[in-house]
Protein backbone atom coordinates (compact mmCIF):
# COMPACT_ATOMS: atom_id res chain seq x y z
CA UNK A 1 -52.86 -1.51 -8.85
CA UNK A 2 -56.33 -1.00 -10.32
CA UNK A 3 -57.64 -3.52 -12.83
CA UNK A 4 -59.61 -2.11 -15.78
CA UNK A 5 -61.96 -4.37 -17.71
CA UNK A 6 -62.84 -3.49 -21.31
CA UNK A 7 -65.79 -4.99 -23.18
CA UNK A 8 -64.88 -4.40 -26.83
CA UNK A 9 -66.02 -5.36 -30.34
CA UNK A 10 -63.90 -8.21 -31.69
CA UNK A 11 -62.65 -6.06 -34.57
CA UNK A 12 -61.60 -3.15 -32.33
CA UNK A 13 -57.86 -2.53 -32.07
CA UNK A 14 -57.86 1.08 -30.86
CA UNK A 15 -59.49 1.36 -27.44
CA UNK A 16 -57.09 -1.25 -26.02
CA UNK A 17 -54.19 1.02 -27.00
CA UNK A 18 -55.62 4.48 -26.31
CA UNK A 19 -57.13 3.87 -22.86
CA UNK A 20 -53.90 2.26 -21.51
CA UNK A 21 -51.82 5.02 -23.13
CA UNK A 22 -53.94 7.64 -21.37
CA UNK A 23 -54.02 6.00 -17.96
CA UNK A 24 -50.26 5.38 -18.08
CA UNK A 25 -49.97 9.16 -17.50
CA UNK A 26 -51.68 8.84 -14.10
CA UNK A 27 -49.80 8.28 -10.79
CA UNK A 28 -51.96 5.21 -10.08
CA UNK A 29 -50.90 1.92 -11.69
CA UNK A 30 -53.36 0.01 -13.89
CA UNK A 31 -53.65 -3.32 -15.63
CA UNK A 32 -56.04 -3.93 -18.53
CA UNK A 33 -58.20 -6.95 -19.29
CA UNK A 34 -60.52 -7.37 -22.28
CA UNK A 35 -63.42 -9.53 -23.34
CA UNK A 36 -64.57 -9.38 -26.95
CA UNK A 37 -67.99 -9.35 -28.60
CA UNK A 38 -68.06 -10.58 -32.20
CA UNK A 39 -68.64 -7.69 -34.63
CA UNK A 40 -67.05 -6.78 -37.96
CA UNK A 41 -69.36 -4.45 -39.89
CA UNK A 42 -70.88 -1.43 -38.16
CA UNK A 43 -74.50 -2.13 -39.09
CA UNK A 44 -77.64 -2.12 -36.93
CA UNK A 45 -77.92 -5.89 -37.26
CA UNK A 46 -74.34 -6.63 -36.18
CA UNK A 47 -74.50 -4.06 -33.38
CA UNK A 48 -77.65 -5.69 -31.97
CA UNK A 49 -76.08 -9.16 -32.21
CA UNK A 50 -72.94 -7.85 -30.51
CA UNK A 51 -74.92 -6.38 -27.62
CA UNK A 52 -76.43 -9.82 -27.08
CA UNK A 53 -72.98 -11.09 -26.04
CA UNK A 54 -72.66 -8.58 -23.20
CA UNK A 55 -73.52 -10.86 -20.29
CA UNK A 56 -70.83 -13.40 -21.21
CA UNK A 57 -68.21 -10.66 -21.45
CA UNK A 58 -69.18 -9.13 -18.12
CA UNK A 59 -68.97 -12.54 -16.42
CA UNK A 60 -65.50 -13.12 -17.86
CA UNK A 61 -64.21 -9.78 -16.60
CA UNK A 62 -65.85 -10.26 -13.20
CA UNK A 63 -63.89 -13.53 -12.93
CA UNK A 64 -60.71 -11.47 -13.38
CA UNK A 65 -61.65 -9.31 -10.39
CA UNK A 66 -61.55 -6.01 -12.27
CA UNK A 67 -62.11 -2.82 -10.28
CA UNK A 68 -63.88 -0.98 -13.11
CA UNK A 69 -65.54 -2.06 -16.33
CA UNK A 70 -65.96 0.03 -19.51
CA UNK A 71 -68.49 -1.06 -22.15
CA UNK A 72 -66.38 0.26 -25.00
CA UNK A 73 -68.58 0.65 -28.03
CA UNK A 74 -70.33 3.99 -28.25
CA UNK A 75 -72.58 3.48 -31.27
CA UNK A 76 -73.73 0.03 -30.13
CA UNK A 77 -75.65 1.72 -27.33
CA UNK A 78 -76.59 5.00 -28.98
CA UNK A 79 -78.14 3.14 -31.92
CA UNK A 80 -80.63 1.53 -29.52
CA UNK A 81 -82.35 4.82 -28.67
CA UNK A 82 -82.30 7.55 -26.01
CA UNK A 83 -81.11 6.66 -22.53
CA UNK A 84 -79.67 3.27 -23.53
CA UNK A 85 -76.36 3.85 -21.76
CA UNK A 86 -78.15 4.29 -18.46
CA UNK A 87 -80.19 1.13 -18.95
CA UNK A 88 -77.12 -0.92 -19.93
CA UNK A 89 -74.95 0.44 -17.12
CA UNK A 90 -77.71 -0.43 -14.64
CA UNK A 91 -78.04 -3.96 -16.07
CA UNK A 92 -74.28 -4.52 -15.92
CA UNK A 93 -74.15 -3.19 -12.36
CA UNK A 94 -76.71 -5.84 -11.35
CA UNK A 95 -74.40 -8.51 -12.78
CA UNK A 96 -71.02 -7.13 -11.65
CA UNK A 97 -70.34 -5.28 -8.36
CA UNK A 98 -67.57 -2.86 -9.39
CA UNK A 99 -67.48 0.51 -11.15
CA UNK A 100 -69.47 0.40 -14.41
CA UNK A 101 -69.09 2.87 -17.25
CA UNK A 102 -69.86 2.93 -20.98
CA UNK A 103 -68.26 4.91 -23.79
CA UNK A 104 -71.67 6.38 -24.62
CA UNK A 105 -72.29 7.50 -21.05
CA UNK A 106 -68.71 8.74 -20.67
CA UNK A 107 -69.06 11.06 -23.66
CA UNK A 108 -72.22 12.55 -22.17
CA UNK A 109 -70.49 12.88 -18.79
CA UNK A 110 -67.44 14.56 -20.31
CA UNK A 111 -69.45 17.07 -22.32
CA UNK A 112 -71.46 18.01 -19.23
CA UNK A 113 -68.29 18.36 -17.18
CA UNK A 114 -67.00 20.85 -19.75
CA UNK A 115 -70.25 22.81 -19.57
CA UNK A 116 -70.75 22.25 -23.30
CA UNK A 117 -74.19 22.72 -24.83
CA UNK A 118 -73.41 23.45 -28.49
CA UNK A 119 -71.15 20.74 -29.89
CA UNK A 120 -69.68 19.46 -33.15
CA UNK A 121 -68.80 15.82 -33.93
CA UNK A 122 -66.58 13.80 -36.22
CA UNK A 123 -67.82 10.23 -36.61
CA UNK A 124 -66.57 7.37 -38.81
CA UNK A 125 -70.06 5.91 -39.27
CA UNK A 126 -72.31 5.49 -42.26
CA UNK A 127 -74.71 8.41 -42.33
CA UNK A 128 -77.80 6.65 -40.90
CA UNK A 129 -75.87 5.54 -37.81
CA UNK A 130 -74.24 8.96 -37.47
CA UNK A 131 -77.72 10.49 -37.47
CA UNK A 132 -78.67 8.20 -34.58
CA UNK A 133 -75.64 9.39 -32.59
CA UNK A 134 -76.66 13.00 -33.26
CA UNK A 135 -80.23 12.27 -32.16
CA UNK A 136 -79.02 10.48 -29.03
CA UNK A 137 -76.93 13.45 -27.94
CA UNK A 138 -79.82 15.76 -28.74
CA UNK A 139 -82.02 13.71 -26.41
CA UNK A 140 -79.37 14.23 -23.71
CA UNK A 141 -79.86 17.99 -24.00
CA UNK A 142 -76.99 18.92 -26.35
CA UNK A 143 -77.33 20.98 -29.51
CA UNK A 144 -75.29 19.21 -32.19
CA UNK A 145 -74.59 22.24 -34.35
CA UNK A 146 -72.57 20.42 -37.00
CA UNK A 147 -71.22 16.95 -37.64
CA UNK A 148 -69.32 14.84 -40.14
CA UNK A 149 -69.79 11.17 -41.08
CA UNK A 150 -66.75 9.61 -42.78
CA UNK A 151 -68.95 6.77 -44.12
CA UNK A 152 -66.71 3.83 -43.16
CA UNK A 153 -68.78 0.71 -42.51
CA UNK A 154 -66.02 -1.86 -41.98
CA UNK A 155 -64.89 -1.63 -38.35
CA UNK A 156 -61.39 -2.85 -39.15
CA UNK A 157 -61.05 0.00 -41.66
CA UNK A 158 -62.29 2.48 -39.04
CA UNK A 159 -59.19 1.59 -37.02
CA UNK A 160 -57.01 2.65 -39.96
CA UNK A 161 -58.54 6.08 -40.68
CA UNK A 162 -55.61 8.52 -40.83
CA UNK A 163 -55.53 11.49 -38.49
CA UNK A 164 -55.19 13.85 -41.43
CA UNK A 165 -58.62 12.79 -42.67
CA UNK A 166 -60.17 13.28 -39.23
CA UNK A 167 -58.67 16.76 -38.86
CA UNK A 168 -59.76 17.69 -42.37
CA UNK A 169 -63.31 16.75 -41.48
CA UNK A 170 -63.08 18.78 -38.25
CA UNK A 171 -61.89 21.84 -40.16
CA UNK A 172 -65.05 21.74 -42.23
CA UNK A 173 -67.35 21.99 -39.20
CA UNK A 174 -68.99 25.11 -37.77
CA UNK A 175 -66.51 26.51 -35.20
CA UNK A 176 -69.21 28.35 -33.21
CA UNK A 177 -69.52 25.58 -30.63
CA UNK A 178 -68.59 24.97 -27.00
CA UNK A 179 -66.69 21.73 -27.66
CA UNK A 180 -65.54 19.47 -30.48
CA UNK A 181 -65.74 15.68 -30.30
CA UNK A 182 -62.85 14.75 -32.57
CA UNK A 183 -63.83 11.06 -32.56
CA UNK A 184 -67.24 9.85 -31.44
CA UNK A 185 -66.01 6.25 -31.69
CA UNK A 186 -63.56 4.18 -29.63
CA UNK A 187 -62.19 2.52 -32.80
CA UNK A 188 -61.29 5.64 -34.82
CA UNK A 189 -57.76 6.69 -33.74
CA UNK A 190 -57.76 10.16 -32.24
CA UNK A 191 -55.59 10.36 -29.13
CA UNK A 192 -52.73 12.15 -30.89
CA UNK A 193 -55.19 14.69 -32.36
CA UNK A 194 -56.77 16.04 -29.18
CA UNK A 195 -54.07 18.46 -28.01
CA UNK A 196 -53.17 19.78 -31.52
CA UNK A 197 -56.87 20.25 -32.33
CA UNK A 198 -57.43 22.25 -29.13
CA UNK A 199 -54.56 24.51 -30.10
CA UNK A 200 -55.78 24.90 -33.69
CA UNK A 201 -59.47 25.47 -32.98
CA UNK A 202 -59.26 27.20 -29.59
CA UNK A 203 -61.96 24.88 -28.21
CA UNK A 204 -62.15 22.04 -25.71
CA UNK A 205 -61.62 18.87 -27.74
CA UNK A 206 -62.44 15.39 -26.50
CA UNK A 207 -62.82 11.92 -27.90
CA UNK A 208 -64.52 8.71 -26.88
CA UNK A 209 -61.17 7.61 -25.43
CA UNK A 210 -60.44 10.73 -23.37
CA UNK A 211 -64.03 10.79 -22.12
CA UNK A 212 -63.74 7.10 -21.20
CA UNK A 213 -60.53 7.69 -19.25
CA UNK A 214 -62.09 10.67 -17.44
CA UNK A 215 -65.17 8.66 -16.47
CA UNK A 216 -63.15 5.65 -15.29
CA UNK A 217 -60.93 7.81 -13.08
CA UNK A 218 -63.90 9.58 -11.54
CA UNK A 219 -65.70 6.29 -10.98
CA UNK A 220 -62.64 4.93 -9.16
CA UNK A 221 -62.41 8.04 -7.00
CA UNK A 222 -59.08 9.06 -8.60
CA UNK A 223 -58.06 12.55 -9.67
CA UNK A 224 -59.10 12.83 -13.37
CA UNK A 225 -55.99 14.70 -14.49
CA UNK A 226 -53.80 13.43 -17.33
CA UNK A 227 -51.19 15.59 -19.09
CA UNK A 228 -51.51 16.28 -22.79
CA UNK A 229 -55.01 14.83 -23.06
CA UNK A 230 -57.08 17.97 -23.55
CA UNK A 231 -58.99 20.35 -21.34
CA UNK A 232 -61.34 17.68 -19.99
CA UNK A 233 -58.40 15.96 -18.30
CA UNK A 234 -56.37 19.08 -17.52
CA UNK A 235 -57.83 19.65 -14.07
CA UNK A 236 -58.88 23.18 -15.00
CA UNK A 237 -61.41 22.94 -17.81
CA UNK A 238 -63.97 20.50 -16.43
CA UNK A 239 -66.65 21.14 -13.87
CA UNK A 240 -66.66 17.84 -12.02
CA UNK A 241 -70.07 16.27 -11.66
CA UNK A 242 -72.16 19.42 -12.15
CA UNK A 243 -74.58 18.66 -15.03
CA UNK A 244 -74.80 21.46 -17.56
CA UNK A 245 -77.48 19.79 -19.65
CA UNK A 246 -80.44 18.21 -17.90
CA UNK A 247 -80.57 14.42 -18.02
CA UNK A 248 -83.47 12.96 -19.98
CA UNK A 249 -86.34 10.96 -18.62
CA UNK A 250 -85.50 7.31 -19.23
CA UNK A 251 -88.39 5.28 -20.64
CA UNK A 252 -89.22 2.09 -18.76
């Protein structure tokens, strides 16, 4: 059995359901262990304060002997500027010896695996934070053709956004893209939307959760194939580790 460690915002109730639900579809057995960083409102100030709790959380999960660790808050890293996921993953790897991934890095990895350059996003964030996510992905070499910000600042409320609202936002986006990110946030529920959205839009559709599961499986050396979780995890639509967008130069 593989042990998965999740570093999550204290107000998050979604990633701890969606990641286990995804990995339950894999032949390998998993257990899940979380450590929480205090955060309620999705603001730059609270995100920065939350990131400051990282080392404690990593130590707690290392004590549990987890095989892989996912830093599960996408915007907390993307709001810090280009390349932050690489810096944080490196810092965590110096503290903890297992497989290290982040939701921010996993989304980049998943989009590259799909060969996507032109993308569209649905985010729950207030517009200024959504713009930072768009800029972050642009710095990673992607062209964010269109995006939606649902303008929900309370992280607990993000976990209650109905799927109908997310799909409605997706229907308003430019369809001339290579892939759709149906939820660029581990707190906004989206797992049940991925397969129906792929059928409706005729595009690869991924979320922070499906990208996180894909990255964890690859990091553990396991086959990243999960039924009903979209093309990224189908075993046919992704291109492994071949980067389709060049990685950026990371500032010192």
